Amino acid sequence: MNALTDSKQEQSRIYWQCRRGMLELDLMLQPFVENHFFRLTQQQRLALATLLTYPDQQLLDYLLGHGVPHDKDVADVAEQIRNTAGT
Protein backbone atom coordinates (compact mmCIF):
# COMPACT_ATOMS: atom_id res chain seq x y z
CA MET A 1 0.00 0.00 0.00
CA ASN A 2 1.37 3.43 -0.82
CA ALA A 3 1.28 6.67 1.16
CA LEU A 4 -1.52 8.19 -0.96
CA THR A 5 -3.74 5.17 -0.40
CA ASP A 6 -2.94 5.25 3.31
CA SER A 7 -3.83 8.96 3.49
CA LYS A 8 -7.12 8.46 1.66
CA GLN A 9 -8.01 5.61 4.00
CA GLU A 10 -7.10 7.77 6.98
CA GLN A 11 -9.28 10.59 5.62
CA SER A 12 -12.18 8.16 5.11
CA ARG A 13 -11.79 6.85 8.65
CA ILE A 14 -11.71 10.38 10.11
CA TYR A 15 -14.61 11.47 7.90
CA TRP A 16 -16.66 8.55 9.18
CA GLN A 17 -15.92 9.64 12.76
CA CYS A 18 -17.22 13.12 11.87
CA ARG A 19 -20.70 11.72 11.31
CA ARG A 20 -22.01 12.48 14.76
CA GLY A 21 -25.77 12.73 14.38
CA MET A 22 -25.68 16.33 15.60
CA LEU A 23 -26.29 18.56 12.60
CA GLU A 24 -24.18 21.43 13.92
CA LEU A 25 -21.16 19.15 14.27
CA ASP A 26 -21.72 17.50 10.90
CA LEU A 27 -21.84 20.92 9.21
CA MET A 28 -18.52 21.96 10.74
CA LEU A 29 -16.55 18.72 10.76
CA GLN A 30 -17.35 17.07 7.44
CA PRO A 31 -16.46 20.06 5.21
CA PHE A 32 -13.26 20.57 7.20
CA VAL A 33 -12.15 16.99 6.62
CA GLU A 34 -13.20 17.09 2.96
CA ASN A 35 -11.39 20.34 2.21
CA HIS A 36 -8.50 20.59 4.65
CA PHE A 37 -7.50 17.10 5.74
CA PHE A 38 -4.62 16.74 3.30
CA ARG A 39 -3.16 20.09 4.38
CA LEU A 40 -2.83 18.94 7.98
CA THR A 41 0.46 17.73 9.33
CA GLN A 42 0.60 14.26 10.86
CA GLN A 43 0.59 15.86 14.31
CA GLN A 44 -2.54 17.86 13.42
CA ARG A 45 -4.21 14.72 12.09
CA LEU A 46 -3.54 13.00 15.39
CA ALA A 47 -4.95 16.01 17.22
CA LEU A 48 -8.07 15.88 15.02
CA ALA A 49 -8.49 12.18 15.82
CA THR A 50 -8.18 13.00 19.53
CA LEU A 51 -10.71 15.83 19.20
CA LEU A 52 -13.18 13.41 17.63
CA THR A 53 -13.02 11.17 20.71
CA TYR A 54 -14.66 13.89 22.82
CA PRO A 55 -18.38 13.64 23.63
CA ASP A 56 -20.62 15.54 21.21
CA GLN A 57 -21.60 18.33 23.60
CA GLN A 58 -18.01 18.98 24.67
CA LEU A 59 -16.89 18.93 21.04
CA LEU A 60 -19.65 21.38 20.08
CA ASP A 61 -18.64 23.70 22.93
CA TYR A 62 -15.04 23.72 21.72
CA LEU A 63 -16.02 24.30 18.09
CA LEU A 64 -18.29 27.17 19.09
CA GLY A 65 -15.53 28.72 21.18
CA HIS A 66 -17.22 28.07 24.53
CA GLY A 67 -14.12 26.46 25.92
CA VAL A 68 -10.63 25.43 24.93
CA PRO A 69 -9.23 21.89 25.00
CA HIS A 70 -6.34 21.46 27.45
CA ASP A 71 -4.14 19.88 24.77
CA LYS A 72 -2.60 22.69 22.70
CA ASP A 73 -2.53 20.65 19.47
CA VAL A 74 -6.20 19.72 19.86
CA ALA A 75 -7.04 23.35 20.67
CA ASP A 76 -5.24 24.47 17.50
CA VAL A 77 -7.20 22.03 15.33
CA ALA A 78 -10.47 23.05 16.99
CA GLU A 79 -9.63 26.67 16.20
CA GLN A 80 -8.90 25.78 12.56
CA ILE A 81 -12.26 24.04 12.28
CA ARG A 82 -14.00 26.98 13.94
CA ASN A 83 -12.31 29.44 11.58
CA THR A 84 -13.16 27.49 8.43
CA ALA A 85 -16.75 27.07 9.59
CA GLY A 86 -17.05 30.80 10.22
CA THR A 87 -18.28 30.46 13.80
PDB file of N, CA and C in Angstrom:
ATOM      1  N   MET A   1       0.844  -1.166   0.000  1.00  0.00           N
ATOM      2  CA  MET A   1       0.000   0.000   0.000  1.00  0.00           C
ATOM      3  C   MET A   1       0.896   1.237   0.000  1.00  0.00           C
ATOM      4  N   ASN A   2       0.536   2.243  -0.774  1.00  0.00           N
ATOM      5  CA  ASN A   2       1.374   3.430  -0.824  1.00  0.00           C
ATOM      6  C   ASN A   2       0.846   4.516   0.111  1.00  0.00           C
ATOM      7  N   ALA A   3       1.626   5.603   0.212  1.00  0.00           N
ATOM      8  CA  ALA A   3       1.284   6.671   1.157  1.00  0.00           C
ATOM      9  C   ALA A   3      -0.025   7.354   0.788  1.00  0.00           C
ATOM     10  N   LEU A   4      -0.281   7.536  -0.527  1.00  0.00           N
ATOM     11  CA  LEU A   4      -1.519   8.193  -0.959  1.00  0.00           C
ATOM     12  C   LEU A   4      -2.733   7.360  -0.555  1.00  0.00           C
ATOM     13  N   THR A   5      -2.643   6.066  -0.782  1.00  0.00           N
ATOM     14  CA  THR A   5      -3.736   5.175  -0.398  1.00  0.00           C
ATOM     15  C   THR A   5      -3.942   5.202   1.108  1.00  0.00           C
ATOM     16  N   ASP A   6      -2.844   5.182   1.854  1.00  0.00           N
ATOM     17  CA  ASP A   6      -2.939   5.253   3.311  1.00  0.00           C
ATOM     18  C   ASP A   6      -3.616   6.544   3.756  1.00  0.00           C
ATOM     19  N   SER A   7      -3.242   7.678   3.117  1.00  0.00           N
ATOM     20  CA  SER A   7      -3.831   8.963   3.486  1.00  0.00           C
ATOM     21  C   SER A   7      -5.316   9.005   3.164  1.00  0.00           C
ATOM     22  N   LYS A   8      -5.695   8.470   2.022  1.00  0.00           N
ATOM     23  CA  LYS A   8      -7.117   8.460   1.656  1.00  0.00           C
ATOM     24  C   LYS A   8      -7.909   7.584   2.619  1.00  0.00           C
ATOM     25  N   GLN A   9      -7.322   6.464   3.023  1.00  0.00           N
ATOM     26  CA  GLN A   9      -8.005   5.608   3.999  1.00  0.00           C
ATOM     27  C   GLN A   9      -8.115   6.308   5.342  1.00  0.00           C
ATOM     28  N   GLU A  10      -7.062   7.028   5.713  1.00  0.00           N
ATOM     29  CA  GLU A  10      -7.102   7.771   6.980  1.00  0.00           C
ATOM     30  C   GLU A  10      -8.169   8.852   6.909  1.00  0.00           C
ATOM     31  N   GLN A  11      -8.255   9.562   5.780  1.00  0.00           N
ATOM     32  CA  GLN A  11      -9.281  10.589   5.619  1.00  0.00           C
ATOM     33  C   GLN A  11     -10.675   9.969   5.709  1.00  0.00           C
ATOM     34  N   SER A  12     -10.875   8.836   5.063  1.00  0.00           N
ATOM     35  CA  SER A  12     -12.176   8.164   5.112  1.00  0.00           C
ATOM     36  C   SER A  12     -12.540   7.759   6.532  1.00  0.00           C
ATOM     37  N   ARG A  13     -11.542   7.252   7.254  1.00  0.00           N
ATOM     38  CA  ARG A  13     -11.787   6.850   8.645  1.00  0.00           C
ATOM     39  C   ARG A  13     -12.158   8.062   9.493  1.00  0.00           C
ATOM     40  N   ILE A  14     -11.421   9.163   9.346  1.00  0.00           N
ATOM     41  CA  ILE A  14     -11.715  10.381  10.107  1.00  0.00           C
ATOM     42  C   ILE A  14     -13.063  10.957   9.691  1.00  0.00           C
ATOM     43  N   TYR A  15     -13.335  10.944   8.383  1.00  0.00           N
ATOM     44  CA  TYR A  15     -14.614  11.473   7.898  1.00  0.00           C
ATOM     45  C   TYR A  15     -15.771  10.693   8.523  1.00  0.00           C
ATOM     46  N   TRP A  16     -15.619   9.381   8.584  1.00  0.00           N
ATOM     47  CA  TRP A  16     -16.659   8.552   9.182  1.00  0.00           C
ATOM     48  C   TRP A  16     -16.878   8.930  10.643  1.00  0.00           C
ATOM     49  N   GLN A  17     -15.805   9.243  11.357  1.00  0.00           N
ATOM     50  CA  GLN A  17     -15.916   9.641  12.765  1.00  0.00           C
ATOM     51  C   GLN A  17     -16.572  11.012  12.917  1.00  0.00           C
ATOM     52  N   CYS A  18     -16.583  11.795  11.829  1.00  0.00           N
ATOM     53  CA  CYS A  18     -17.218  13.117  11.866  1.00  0.00           C
ATOM     54  C   CYS A  18     -18.732  13.025  11.797  1.00  0.00           C
ATOM     55  N   ARG A  19     -19.255  11.896  11.403  1.00  0.00           N
ATOM     56  CA  ARG A  19     -20.701  11.716  11.307  1.00  0.00           C
ATOM     57  C   ARG A  19     -21.221  11.469  12.705  1.00  0.00           C
ATOM     58  N   ARG A  20     -21.701  12.539  13.344  1.00  0.00           N
ATOM     59  CA  ARG A  20     -22.012  12.475  14.762  1.00  0.00           C
ATOM     60  C   ARG A  20     -23.500  12.368  15.061  1.00  0.00           C
ATOM     61  N   GLY A  21     -24.333  12.729  14.109  1.00  0.00           N
ATOM     62  CA  GLY A  21     -25.767  12.731  14.383  1.00  0.00           C
ATOM     63  C   GLY A  21     -26.228  14.031  14.996  1.00  0.00           C
ATOM     64  N   MET A  22     -25.326  14.983  15.141  1.00  0.00           N
ATOM     65  CA  MET A  22     -25.681  16.329  15.604  1.00  0.00           C
ATOM     66  C   MET A  22     -25.380  17.242  14.423  1.00  0.00           C
ATOM     67  N   LEU A  23     -26.417  17.799  13.846  1.00  0.00           N
ATOM     68  CA  LEU A  23     -26.293  18.555  12.604  1.00  0.00           C
ATOM     69  C   LEU A  23     -25.214  19.633  12.681  1.00  0.00           C
ATOM     70  N   GLU A  24     -25.160  20.349  13.789  1.00  0.00           N
ATOM     71  CA  GLU A  24     -24.178  21.432  13.920  1.00  0.00           C
ATOM     72  C   GLU A  24     -22.750  20.895  13.778  1.00  0.00           C
ATOM     73  N   LEU A  25     -22.494  19.748  14.374  1.00  0.00           N
ATOM     74  CA  LEU A  25     -21.157  19.148  14.271  1.00  0.00           C
ATOM     75  C   LEU A  25     -20.893  18.659  12.860  1.00  0.00           C
ATOM     76  N   ASP A  26     -21.894  18.005  12.271  1.00  0.00           N
ATOM     77  CA  ASP A  26     -21.721  17.503  10.902  1.00  0.00           C
ATOM     78  C   ASP A  26     -21.392  18.642   9.948  1.00  0.00           C
ATOM     79  N   LEU A  27     -22.045  19.784  10.112  1.00  0.00           N
ATOM     80  CA  LEU A  27     -21.839  20.916   9.215  1.00  0.00           C
ATOM     81  C   LEU A  27     -20.472  21.584   9.384  1.00  0.00           C
ATOM     82  N   MET A  28     -19.859  21.393  10.531  1.00  0.00           N
ATOM     83  CA  MET A  28     -18.519  21.960  10.739  1.00  0.00           C
ATOM     84  C   MET A  28     -17.423  20.945  10.434  1.00  0.00           C
ATOM     85  N   LEU A  29     -17.625  19.709  10.854  1.00  0.00           N
ATOM     86  CA  LEU A  29     -16.547  18.717  10.759  1.00  0.00           C
ATOM     87  C   LEU A  29     -16.379  18.137   9.359  1.00  0.00           C
ATOM     88  N   GLN A  30     -17.463  17.754   8.742  1.00  0.00           N
ATOM     89  CA  GLN A  30     -17.347  17.072   7.442  1.00  0.00           C
ATOM     90  C   GLN A  30     -16.715  17.956   6.373  1.00  0.00           C
ATOM     91  N   PRO A  31     -17.138  19.214   6.204  1.00  0.00           N
ATOM     92  CA  PRO A  31     -16.458  20.057   5.206  1.00  0.00           C
ATOM     93  C   PRO A  31     -14.982  20.284   5.529  1.00  0.00           C
ATOM     94  N   PHE A  32     -14.667  20.378   6.824  1.00  0.00           N
ATOM     95  CA  PHE A  32     -13.261  20.567   7.203  1.00  0.00           C
ATOM     96  C   PHE A  32     -12.431  19.379   6.746  1.00  0.00           C
ATOM     97  N   VAL A  33     -12.914  18.190   7.007  1.00  0.00           N
ATOM     98  CA  VAL A  33     -12.152  16.991   6.616  1.00  0.00           C
ATOM     99  C   VAL A  33     -12.088  16.869   5.094  1.00  0.00           C
ATOM    100  N   GLU A  34     -13.192  17.172   4.424  1.00  0.00           N
ATOM    101  CA  GLU A  34     -13.204  17.093   2.960  1.00  0.00           C
ATOM    102  C   GLU A  34     -12.212  18.067   2.325  1.00  0.00           C
ATOM    103  N   ASN A  35     -12.152  19.276   2.864  1.00  0.00           N
ATOM    104  CA  ASN A  35     -11.393  20.341   2.208  1.00  0.00           C
ATOM    105  C   ASN A  35     -10.008  20.616   2.781  1.00  0.00           C
ATOM    106  N   HIS A  36      -9.746  20.199   3.997  1.00  0.00           N
ATOM    107  CA  HIS A  36      -8.496  20.591   4.646  1.00  0.00           C
ATOM    108  C   HIS A  36      -7.657  19.428   5.179  1.00  0.00           C
ATOM    109  N   PHE A  37      -8.201  18.229   5.120  1.00  0.00           N
ATOM    110  CA  PHE A  37      -7.498  17.095   5.744  1.00  0.00           C
ATOM    111  C   PHE A  37      -6.084  16.925   5.197  1.00  0.00           C
ATOM    112  N   PHE A  38      -5.936  17.016   3.888  1.00  0.00           N
ATOM    113  CA  PHE A  38      -4.619  16.737   3.301  1.00  0.00           C
ATOM    114  C   PHE A  38      -3.614  17.865   3.535  1.00  0.00           C
ATOM    115  N   ARG A  39      -4.074  18.995   4.030  1.00  0.00           N
ATOM    116  CA  ARG A  39      -3.158  20.092   4.384  1.00  0.00           C
ATOM    117  C   ARG A  39      -2.637  19.965   5.811  1.00  0.00           C
ATOM    118  N   LEU A  40      -3.245  19.102   6.588  1.00  0.00           N
ATOM    119  CA  LEU A  40      -2.835  18.941   7.985  1.00  0.00           C
ATOM    120  C   LEU A  40      -1.538  18.150   8.071  1.00  0.00           C
ATOM    121  N   THR A  41      -0.733  18.516   9.038  1.00  0.00           N
ATOM    122  CA  THR A  41       0.461  17.726   9.328  1.00  0.00           C
ATOM    123  C   THR A  41       0.025  16.442  10.025  1.00  0.00           C
ATOM    124  N   GLN A  42       0.931  15.505  10.156  1.00  0.00           N
ATOM    125  CA  GLN A  42       0.601  14.261  10.857  1.00  0.00           C
ATOM    126  C   GLN A  42       0.214  14.544  12.300  1.00  0.00           C
ATOM    127  N   GLN A  43       0.904  15.493  12.923  1.00  0.00           N
ATOM    128  CA  GLN A  43       0.587  15.863  14.310  1.00  0.00           C
ATOM    129  C   GLN A  43      -0.826  16.455  14.404  1.00  0.00           C
ATOM    130  N   GLN A  44      -1.192  17.274  13.422  1.00  0.00           N
ATOM    131  CA  GLN A  44      -2.537  17.858  13.416  1.00  0.00           C
ATOM    132  C   GLN A  44      -3.598  16.782  13.156  1.00  0.00           C
ATOM    133  N   ARG A  45      -3.266  15.821  12.325  1.00  0.00           N
ATOM    134  CA  ARG A  45      -4.212  14.720  12.086  1.00  0.00           C
ATOM    135  C   ARG A  45      -4.442  13.919  13.364  1.00  0.00           C
ATOM    136  N   LEU A  46      -3.389  13.692  14.105  1.00  0.00           N
ATOM    137  CA  LEU A  46      -3.539  12.996  15.389  1.00  0.00           C
ATOM    138  C   LEU A  46      -4.380  13.817  16.355  1.00  0.00           C
ATOM    139  N   ALA A  47      -4.165  15.127  16.353  1.00  0.00           N
ATOM    140  CA  ALA A  47      -4.948  16.008  17.223  1.00  0.00           C
ATOM    141  C   ALA A  47      -6.423  15.985  16.813  1.00  0.00           C
ATOM    142  N   LEU A  48      -6.685  15.965  15.507  1.00  0.00           N
ATOM    143  CA  LEU A  48      -8.072  15.875  15.023  1.00  0.00           C
ATOM    144  C   LEU A  48      -8.701  14.570  15.485  1.00  0.00           C
ATOM    145  N   ALA A  49      -7.965  13.484  15.370  1.00  0.00           N
ATOM    146  CA  ALA A  49      -8.486  12.185  15.818  1.00  0.00           C
ATOM    147  C   ALA A  49      -8.793  12.220  17.316  1.00  0.00           C
ATOM    148  N   THR A  50      -7.931  12.862  18.087  1.00  0.00           N
ATOM    149  CA  THR A  50      -8.181  13.004  19.526  1.00  0.00           C
ATOM    150  C   THR A  50      -9.418  13.846  19.776  1.00  0.00           C
ATOM    151  N   LEU A  51      -9.546  14.954  19.050  1.00  0.00           N
ATOM    152  CA  LEU A  51     -10.715  15.832  19.204  1.00  0.00           C
ATOM    153  C   LEU A  51     -12.004  15.060  18.961  1.00  0.00           C
ATOM    154  N   LEU A  52     -11.979  14.165  17.984  1.00  0.00           N
ATOM    155  CA  LEU A  52     -13.181  13.413  17.631  1.00  0.00           C
ATOM    156  C   LEU A  52     -13.544  12.354  18.659  1.00  0.00           C
ATOM    157  N   THR A  53     -12.681  12.110  19.639  1.00  0.00           N
ATOM    158  CA  THR A  53     -13.024  11.165  20.714  1.00  0.00           C
ATOM    159  C   THR A  53     -13.834  11.844  21.811  1.00  0.00           C
ATOM    160  N   TYR A  54     -13.925  13.167  21.773  1.00  0.00           N
ATOM    161  CA  TYR A  54     -14.661  13.888  22.816  1.00  0.00           C
ATOM    162  C   TYR A  54     -16.169  13.688  22.638  1.00  0.00           C
ATOM    163  N   PRO A  55     -16.914  13.720  23.728  1.00  0.00           N
ATOM    164  CA  PRO A  55     -18.376  13.639  23.628  1.00  0.00           C
ATOM    165  C   PRO A  55     -18.929  14.801  22.785  1.00  0.00           C
ATOM    166  N   ASP A  56     -20.057  14.555  22.128  1.00  0.00           N
ATOM    167  CA  ASP A  56     -20.620  15.544  21.205  1.00  0.00           C
ATOM    168  C   ASP A  56     -20.783  16.935  21.823  1.00  0.00           C
ATOM    169  N   GLN A  57     -21.346  17.009  23.018  1.00  0.00           N
ATOM    170  CA  GLN A  57     -21.600  18.332  23.598  1.00  0.00           C
ATOM    171  C   GLN A  57     -20.304  19.068  23.899  1.00  0.00           C
ATOM    172  N   GLN A  58     -19.300  18.345  24.388  1.00  0.00           N
ATOM    173  CA  GLN A  58     -18.012  18.977  24.665  1.00  0.00           C
ATOM    174  C   GLN A  58     -17.356  19.420  23.354  1.00  0.00           C
ATOM    175  N   LEU A  59     -17.438  18.582  22.342  1.00  0.00           N
ATOM    176  CA  LEU A  59     -16.892  18.926  21.036  1.00  0.00           C
ATOM    177  C   LEU A  59     -17.581  20.162  20.474  1.00  0.00           C
ATOM    178  N   LEU A  60     -18.904  20.216  20.581  1.00  0.00           N
ATOM    179  CA  LEU A  60     -19.650  21.379  20.084  1.00  0.00           C
ATOM    180  C   LEU A  60     -19.226  22.640  20.837  1.00  0.00           C
ATOM    181  N   ASP A  61     -19.085  22.536  22.137  1.00  0.00           N
ATOM    182  CA  ASP A  61     -18.643  23.699  22.927  1.00  0.00           C
ATOM    183  C   ASP A  61     -17.285  24.205  22.439  1.00  0.00           C
ATOM    184  N   TYR A  62     -16.365  23.301  22.197  1.00  0.00           N
ATOM    185  CA  TYR A  62     -15.039  23.717  21.717  1.00  0.00           C
ATOM    186  C   TYR A  62     -15.116  24.348  20.336  1.00  0.00           C
ATOM    187  N   LEU A  63     -15.936  23.775  19.463  1.00  0.00           N
ATOM    188  CA  LEU A  63     -16.016  24.301  18.093  1.00  0.00           C
ATOM    189  C   LEU A  63     -16.784  25.609  18.020  1.00  0.00           C
ATOM    190  N   LEU A  64     -17.596  25.882  19.036  1.00  0.00           N
ATOM    191  CA  LEU A  64     -18.288  27.172  19.091  1.00  0.00           C
ATOM    192  C   LEU A  64     -17.499  28.206  19.890  1.00  0.00           C
ATOM    193  N   GLY A  65     -16.367  27.791  20.429  1.00  0.00           N
ATOM    194  CA  GLY A  65     -15.528  28.719  21.179  1.00  0.00           C
ATOM    195  C   GLY A  65     -15.964  28.913  22.611  1.00  0.00           C
ATOM    196  N   HIS A  66     -16.743  27.972  23.144  1.00  0.00           N
ATOM    197  CA  HIS A  66     -17.215  28.073  24.526  1.00  0.00           C
ATOM    198  C   HIS A  66     -16.312  27.321  25.485  1.00  0.00           C
ATOM    199  N   GLY A  67     -15.096  27.156  25.108  1.00  0.00           N
ATOM    200  CA  GLY A  67     -14.117  26.457  25.915  1.00  0.00           C
ATOM    201  C   GLY A  67     -12.934  26.127  25.034  1.00  0.00           C
ATOM    202  N   VAL A  68     -11.850  25.758  25.669  1.00  0.00           N
ATOM    203  CA  VAL A  68     -10.629  25.429  24.930  1.00  0.00           C
ATOM    204  C   VAL A  68     -10.090  24.105  25.455  1.00  0.00           C
ATOM    205  N   PRO A  69      -9.824  23.150  24.552  1.00  0.00           N
ATOM    206  CA  PRO A  69      -9.231  21.893  25.004  1.00  0.00           C
ATOM    207  C   PRO A  69      -7.897  22.136  25.712  1.00  0.00           C
ATOM    208  N   HIS A  70      -7.594  21.305  26.700  1.00  0.00           N
ATOM    209  CA  HIS A  70      -6.344  21.464  27.447  1.00  0.00           C
ATOM    210  C   HIS A  70      -5.115  21.167  26.586  1.00  0.00           C
ATOM    211  N   ASP A  71      -5.251  20.242  25.656  1.00  0.00           N
ATOM    212  CA  ASP A  71      -4.140  19.882  24.768  1.00  0.00           C
ATOM    213  C   ASP A  71      -3.993  20.970  23.710  1.00  0.00           C
ATOM    214  N   LYS A  72      -2.810  21.571  23.619  1.00  0.00           N
ATOM    215  CA  LYS A  72      -2.598  22.691  22.697  1.00  0.00           C
ATOM    216  C   LYS A  72      -2.817  22.279  21.245  1.00  0.00           C
ATOM    217  N   ASP A  73      -2.351  21.102  20.859  1.00  0.00           N
ATOM    218  CA  ASP A  73      -2.532  20.655  19.474  1.00  0.00           C
ATOM    219  C   ASP A  73      -4.013  20.472  19.148  1.00  0.00           C
ATOM    220  N   VAL A  74      -4.753  19.902  20.062  1.00  0.00           N
ATOM    221  CA  VAL A  74      -6.198  19.718  19.861  1.00  0.00           C
ATOM    222  C   VAL A  74      -6.892  21.079  19.810  1.00  0.00           C
ATOM    223  N   ALA A  75      -6.461  21.993  20.679  1.00  0.00           N
ATOM    224  CA  ALA A  75      -7.035  23.346  20.673  1.00  0.00           C
ATOM    225  C   ALA A  75      -6.771  24.042  19.337  1.00  0.00           C
ATOM    226  N   ASP A  76      -5.573  23.850  18.784  1.00  0.00           N
ATOM    227  CA  ASP A  76      -5.242  24.473  17.497  1.00  0.00           C
ATOM    228  C   ASP A  76      -6.122  23.926  16.368  1.00  0.00           C
ATOM    229  N   VAL A  77      -6.344  22.620  16.365  1.00  0.00           N
ATOM    230  CA  VAL A  77      -7.196  22.029  15.329  1.00  0.00           C
ATOM    231  C   VAL A  77      -8.646  22.496  15.508  1.00  0.00           C
ATOM    232  N   ALA A  78      -9.111  22.558  16.744  1.00  0.00           N
ATOM    233  CA  ALA A  78     -10.473  23.049  16.994  1.00  0.00           C
ATOM    234  C   ALA A  78     -10.614  24.479  16.484  1.00  0.00           C
ATOM    235  N   GLU A  79      -9.588  25.286  16.685  1.00  0.00           N
ATOM    236  CA  GLU A  79      -9.626  26.667  16.198  1.00  0.00           C
ATOM    237  C   GLU A  79      -9.650  26.705  14.664  1.00  0.00           C
ATOM    238  N   GLN A  80      -8.878  25.843  14.028  1.00  0.00           N
ATOM    239  CA  GLN A  80      -8.899  25.780  12.560  1.00  0.00           C
ATOM    240  C   GLN A  80     -10.293  25.420  12.056  1.00  0.00           C
ATOM    241  N   ILE A  81     -10.913  24.441  12.687  1.00  0.00           N
ATOM    242  CA  ILE A  81     -12.264  24.035  12.277  1.00  0.00           C
ATOM    243  C   ILE A  81     -13.222  25.202  12.478  1.00  0.00           C
ATOM    244  N   ARG A  82     -13.128  25.845  13.628  1.00  0.00           N
ATOM    245  CA  ARG A  82     -14.002  26.981  13.939  1.00  0.00           C
ATOM    246  C   ARG A  82     -13.811  28.085  12.903  1.00  0.00           C
ATOM    247  N   ASN A  83     -12.583  28.374  12.544  1.00  0.00           N
ATOM    248  CA  ASN A  83     -12.306  29.443  11.581  1.00  0.00           C
ATOM    249  C   ASN A  83     -12.825  29.097  10.186  1.00  0.00           C
ATOM    250  N   THR A  84     -12.681  27.860   9.775  1.00  0.00           N
ATOM    251  CA  THR A  84     -13.159  27.493   8.434  1.00  0.00           C
ATOM    252  C   THR A  84     -14.678  27.419   8.386  1.00  0.00           C
ATOM    253  N   ALA A  85     -15.293  27.135   9.539  1.00  0.00           N
ATOM    254  CA  ALA A  85     -16.752  27.074   9.588  1.00  0.00           C
ATOM    255  C   ALA A  85     -17.365  28.453   9.728  1.00  0.00           C
ATOM    256  N   GLY A  86     -16.544  29.440  10.081  1.00  0.00           N
ATOM    257  CA  GLY A  86     -17.049  30.803  10.224  1.00  0.00           C
ATOM    258  C   GLY A  86     -17.842  31.027  11.483  1.00  0.00           C
ATOM    259  N   THR A  87     -17.555  30.255  12.535  1.00  0.00           N
ATOM    260  CA  THR A  87     -18.278  30.458  13.798  1.00  0.00           C
ATOM    261  C   THR A  87     -17.540  31.418  14.687  1.00  0.00           C
TER     262      THR A  87
END
